[in-house]
Protein backbone atom coordinates (compact mmCIF):
# COMPACT_ATOMS: atom_id res chain seq x y z
CA MET A 1 0.00 0.00 0.00
CA THR A 2 1.16 3.52 -0.75
CA MET A 3 1.32 6.48 1.58
CA LEU A 4 -1.79 7.90 -0.09
CA SER A 5 -3.84 4.73 0.41
CA ILE A 6 -2.78 4.48 4.07
CA VAL A 7 -3.83 8.08 4.73
CA GLN A 8 -7.11 7.54 2.89
CA THR A 9 -7.89 4.44 4.98
CA ILE A 10 -7.23 6.36 8.22
CA ALA A 11 -9.39 9.29 7.05
CA GLU A 12 -12.32 7.01 6.22
CA GLU A 13 -11.99 5.22 9.57
CA VAL A 14 -12.03 8.44 11.63
CA GLY A 15 -14.84 10.02 9.59
CA VAL A 16 -13.09 12.81 7.68
CA SER A 17 -12.91 13.37 3.93
CA ALA A 18 -10.27 11.17 2.33
CA PRO A 19 -7.77 13.34 0.41
CA THR A 20 -7.07 12.65 -3.27
CA SER A 21 -3.44 13.65 -2.72
CA VAL A 22 -1.33 14.30 0.36
CA ALA A 23 2.25 15.29 -0.52
CA GLY A 24 2.35 19.05 -1.02
CA SER A 25 -1.32 19.46 -0.09
CA GLN A 26 -2.40 22.69 1.57
CA ASP A 27 -5.38 21.00 3.22
CA ARG A 28 -4.89 21.10 6.98
CA THR A 29 -6.40 17.68 7.62
CA ALA A 30 -4.29 16.03 4.92
CA ARG A 31 -1.15 17.65 6.31
CA GLN A 32 -2.04 16.54 9.84
CA LEU A 33 -2.66 12.97 8.68
CA LEU A 34 0.73 12.94 6.96
CA ARG A 35 2.47 14.10 10.14
CA ILE A 36 0.62 11.48 12.16
CA VAL A 37 1.46 8.63 9.79
CA ASN A 38 5.13 9.65 9.71
CA ARG A 39 5.19 9.77 13.50
CA ALA A 40 3.57 6.34 13.63
CA GLY A 41 6.19 4.91 11.27
CA GLN A 42 9.10 6.51 13.11
CA ARG A 43 7.88 5.06 16.43
CA LEU A 44 7.45 1.60 14.87
CA ALA A 45 10.93 1.81 13.34
CA ARG A 46 12.44 2.00 16.83
CA LYS A 47 11.69 -1.71 17.21
CA SER A 48 14.10 -4.24 15.76
CA TRP A 49 12.04 -5.45 12.81
CA PRO A 50 13.91 -8.00 10.66
CA VAL A 51 13.18 -5.91 7.55
CA LEU A 52 15.03 -2.97 9.15
CA GLN A 53 18.11 -4.95 10.22
CA ARG A 54 21.19 -4.26 8.13
CA GLU A 55 24.83 -5.30 8.05
CA TYR A 56 27.61 -2.71 7.85
CA GLU A 57 31.21 -3.49 6.93
CA PHE A 58 34.16 -1.11 7.02
CA ASP A 59 37.95 -1.16 7.05
CA THR A 60 40.01 0.32 9.85
CA VAL A 61 42.78 2.83 9.20
CA ALA A 62 46.10 2.68 11.02
CA GLY A 63 46.23 5.45 13.61
CA THR A 64 42.48 6.21 13.43
CA ALA A 65 40.27 5.43 16.43
CA SER A 66 36.87 6.83 15.35
CA TYR A 67 34.70 5.87 12.37
CA ASP A 68 31.44 7.09 10.84
CA LEU A 69 28.25 5.17 11.49
CA PRO A 70 25.79 4.44 8.66
CA VAL A 71 23.60 7.46 7.86
CA ASP A 72 20.47 5.44 8.69
CA PHE A 73 21.85 4.08 11.97
CA THR A 74 19.43 3.78 14.88
CA GLU A 75 20.72 1.09 17.20
CA LEU A 76 23.49 -1.46 17.24
CA LEU A 77 22.32 -5.08 17.47
CA ALA A 78 23.96 -6.70 20.49
CA ASP A 79 26.91 -9.07 20.04
CA THR A 80 27.23 -8.51 16.27
CA VAL A 81 30.56 -6.62 16.10
CA TRP A 82 33.30 -8.81 14.64
CA ASP A 83 36.85 -8.53 13.37
CA ARG A 84 36.75 -10.62 10.19
CA ASN A 85 40.51 -10.70 9.74
CA ASN A 86 41.22 -12.25 13.13
CA TYR A 87 37.83 -14.03 13.57
CA TRP A 88 37.37 -12.28 16.92
CA GLN A 89 34.29 -10.72 18.40
CA VAL A 90 34.94 -7.07 19.23
CA ARG A 91 34.12 -6.45 22.87
CA GLY A 92 31.68 -3.75 23.92
CA GLY A 93 30.00 -1.43 23.98
CA MET A 94 32.25 -0.07 26.64
CA THR A 95 30.74 2.12 29.34
CA PRO A 96 32.08 5.65 29.90
CA GLN A 97 33.74 4.35 33.07
CA GLU A 98 35.49 1.49 31.24
CA TRP A 99 36.59 3.87 28.48
CA GLN A 100 38.18 6.29 30.98
CA VAL A 101 40.02 3.45 32.70
CA ARG A 102 41.53 2.58 29.31
CA LYS A 103 42.37 6.19 28.48
CA SER A 104 43.19 7.77 31.85
CA ALA A 105 44.45 5.13 34.31
CA ILE A 106 48.10 5.36 35.35
CA VAL A 107 48.60 1.72 34.41
CA ALA A 108 47.76 0.96 30.80
CA VAL A 109 45.44 -1.94 30.11
CA ALA A 110 47.33 -4.36 27.89
CA THR A 111 45.13 -6.15 25.37
CA SER A 112 45.41 -7.64 21.91
CA ARG A 113 41.62 -7.71 21.47
CA LYS A 114 39.68 -4.75 20.18
CA SER A 115 36.89 -3.11 22.18
CA PHE A 116 34.41 -0.49 20.99
CA ARG A 117 32.30 2.35 22.25
CA ILE A 118 29.71 4.50 20.46
CA LYS A 119 29.98 8.10 21.62
CA ALA A 120 29.73 11.62 20.27
CA LEU A 121 32.53 13.54 18.62
CA ASP A 122 31.71 17.21 17.94
CA GLY A 123 28.02 16.39 18.38
CA VAL A 124 28.04 13.44 15.96
CA LYS A 125 27.83 9.80 17.06
CA LYS A 126 30.92 7.81 16.07
CA PHE A 127 32.18 4.26 16.42
CA PHE A 128 35.37 4.26 18.53
CA LEU A 129 37.92 1.46 18.84
CA ASP A 130 40.40 0.73 21.59
CA PRO A 131 43.26 0.17 21.19
CA THR A 132 43.61 2.48 18.20
CA PRO A 133 44.21 0.28 15.14
CA THR A 134 47.80 -0.04 13.93
CA ASP A 135 46.89 -1.81 10.70
CA VAL A 136 44.01 -2.36 8.29
CA CYS A 137 41.36 -4.93 9.11
CA THR A 138 37.71 -5.46 8.23
CA LEU A 139 35.07 -4.97 10.91
CA VAL A 140 31.37 -5.75 10.60
CA PHE A 141 28.28 -5.16 12.71
CA GLU A 142 24.51 -5.30 12.37
CA TYR A 143 22.19 -2.44 13.22
CA THR A 144 18.62 -1.24 13.00
CA SER A 145 17.91 1.22 10.18
CA THR A 146 15.72 4.32 10.32
CA ALA A 147 14.68 3.76 6.67
CA TRP A 148 11.17 2.31 6.93
CA VAL A 149 9.91 3.86 3.65
CA GLN A 150 10.70 2.82 0.07
CA ALA A 151 10.42 5.33 -2.77
CA ASP A 152 9.29 4.59 -6.31
CA GLY A 153 12.83 3.96 -7.53
CA GLY A 154 13.64 1.63 -4.64
CA ALA A 155 15.58 4.08 -2.46
CA ARG A 156 14.99 3.82 1.29
CA LYS A 157 14.20 6.81 3.50
CA ALA A 158 12.99 7.66 7.00
CA SER A 159 9.63 9.27 6.24
CA PHE A 160 6.83 9.56 3.68
CA THR A 161 7.36 12.45 1.27
CA SER A 162 5.48 11.28 -1.86
CA ASP A 163 2.01 9.83 -2.42
CA THR A 164 3.59 6.81 -4.14
CA ASP A 165 5.99 5.97 -1.31
CA VAL A 166 5.52 2.49 0.16
CA ALA A 167 6.01 1.41 3.78
CA ILE A 168 8.18 -1.64 4.34
CA LEU A 169 6.65 -2.02 7.82
CA PRO A 170 3.21 -3.66 8.21
CA GLU A 171 0.66 -1.23 6.74
CA GLU A 172 -2.13 -2.29 9.08
CA LEU A 173 -0.04 -1.24 12.06
CA LEU A 174 0.53 2.17 10.49
CA GLU A 175 -3.21 2.52 9.93
CA LEU A 176 -4.13 1.43 13.47
CA SER A 177 -1.49 3.71 14.95
CA GLY A 178 -2.67 6.61 12.77
CA ILE A 179 -6.29 6.09 13.85
CA TRP A 180 -5.66 6.31 17.57
CA ARG A 181 -3.17 9.18 17.16
CA PHE A 182 -5.65 11.20 15.09
CA ARG A 183 -8.40 10.67 17.64
CA TYR A 184 -6.03 11.64 20.44
CA ALA A 185 -4.97 14.79 18.58
CA LYS A 186 -8.64 15.80 18.15
CA GLY A 187 -9.51 15.23 21.81
CA LEU A 188 -11.69 12.20 20.99
CA ASP A 189 -11.93 8.90 22.84
CA TYR A 190 -9.00 6.84 21.61
CA ALA A 191 -8.69 4.16 24.32
CA GLU A 192 -10.19 1.26 22.33
CA SER A 193 -8.26 2.21 19.18
CA ARG A 194 -5.02 2.33 21.18
CA LYS A 195 -5.78 -1.03 22.78
CA GLU A 196 -6.45 -2.63 19.38
CA TYR A 197 -3.16 -1.21 18.06
CA ASP A 198 -1.12 -2.39 21.06
CA GLN A 199 -2.53 -5.91 20.84
CA HIS A 200 -1.97 -6.14 17.10
CA LEU A 201 1.57 -4.78 17.44
CA GLU A 202 2.48 -7.47 19.97
CA THR A 203 1.06 -10.22 17.74
CA VAL A 204 2.62 -9.02 14.49
CA PHE A 205 6.04 -8.22 15.96
CA GLY A 206 6.20 -11.64 17.60
CA ALA A 207 5.35 -13.34 14.32
CA GLU A 208 7.85 -11.22 12.37
CA THR A 209 10.78 -11.88 14.68
CA GLY A 210 10.10 -15.59 15.11
CA ALA A 211 11.29 -15.74 18.69
CA GLY A 212 12.53 -19.15 19.80
CA ALA A 213 11.02 -21.24 22.59
CA ILE A 214 12.33 -20.65 26.09
CA ASN A 215 13.66 -23.89 27.61
CA LEU A 216 13.54 -23.66 31.40
CA GLY A 217 15.20 -27.04 31.79
CA SER A 218 18.65 -26.20 30.44
CA ARG A 219 20.88 -23.38 29.32
CA TYR A 220 21.15 -22.88 25.57
CA LEU A 221 24.62 -21.90 24.44
CA ILE A 222 25.58 -21.39 20.82
CA ASP A 223 28.46 -23.55 19.69
CA TRP A 224 31.25 -20.95 19.68
CA ARG A 225 30.85 -20.13 23.37
CA MET A 226 32.13 -22.02 26.39
CA HIS A 227 29.86 -24.87 27.53
CA ILE A 228 29.04 -24.70 31.21
CA PRO A 229 27.80 -27.83 33.04
CA GLU A 230 24.39 -27.51 34.66
CA GLY A 231 25.22 -29.48 37.81
CA ASN A 232 27.56 -31.93 39.56
CA PHE A 233 30.26 -29.33 40.08
CA PRO A 234 33.35 -30.71 41.88
CA GLY A 235 33.61 -29.79 45.54
């Protein structure tokens, strides 16, 4: 479904005239619906939907500690940072306290393994490595993207700007979110609409992510980690 069809569905549901176009419209209701749908999509994009998960690969530079993040970066996916040259997981993210121990303690912390921290440099978030690389190697990590919209030509972006834009997130969730947000903005009763949205979000997100079963009888460890016995420890 396109941005226009999503807005039209919301308008019909809340009892206002469905616009024939939205992008560039001077109609106040159409403009409000566009803002509401974009807000709905941006809130949904904060969750780690599989369709928004991306892999980013970059090469280090000798003597350089900080690196740019992808322009659509929202959140790093835990335990996905790897050094592909040495087949090591890069440790982190380091806390500010751990970082200052590395950088400020009188005794240097000796390590051959890389660690990382995401922090601001001149107001821009950067990916920092410690120790500072002395050679070139390839690092990779996975992250959640802000780009939940696809334009006509296939380009991804972070909001609707054209009537023909398509959402890559579930359209029904955008519609349900837009309905309760519109009613809230107009001072109308939105409780049931919000409840329906929340319930549907939980169901759809669970189905999309395919979460595994929780086994309370044993500890599941993936094969590259240490295996810890569950009992019969020596005295």
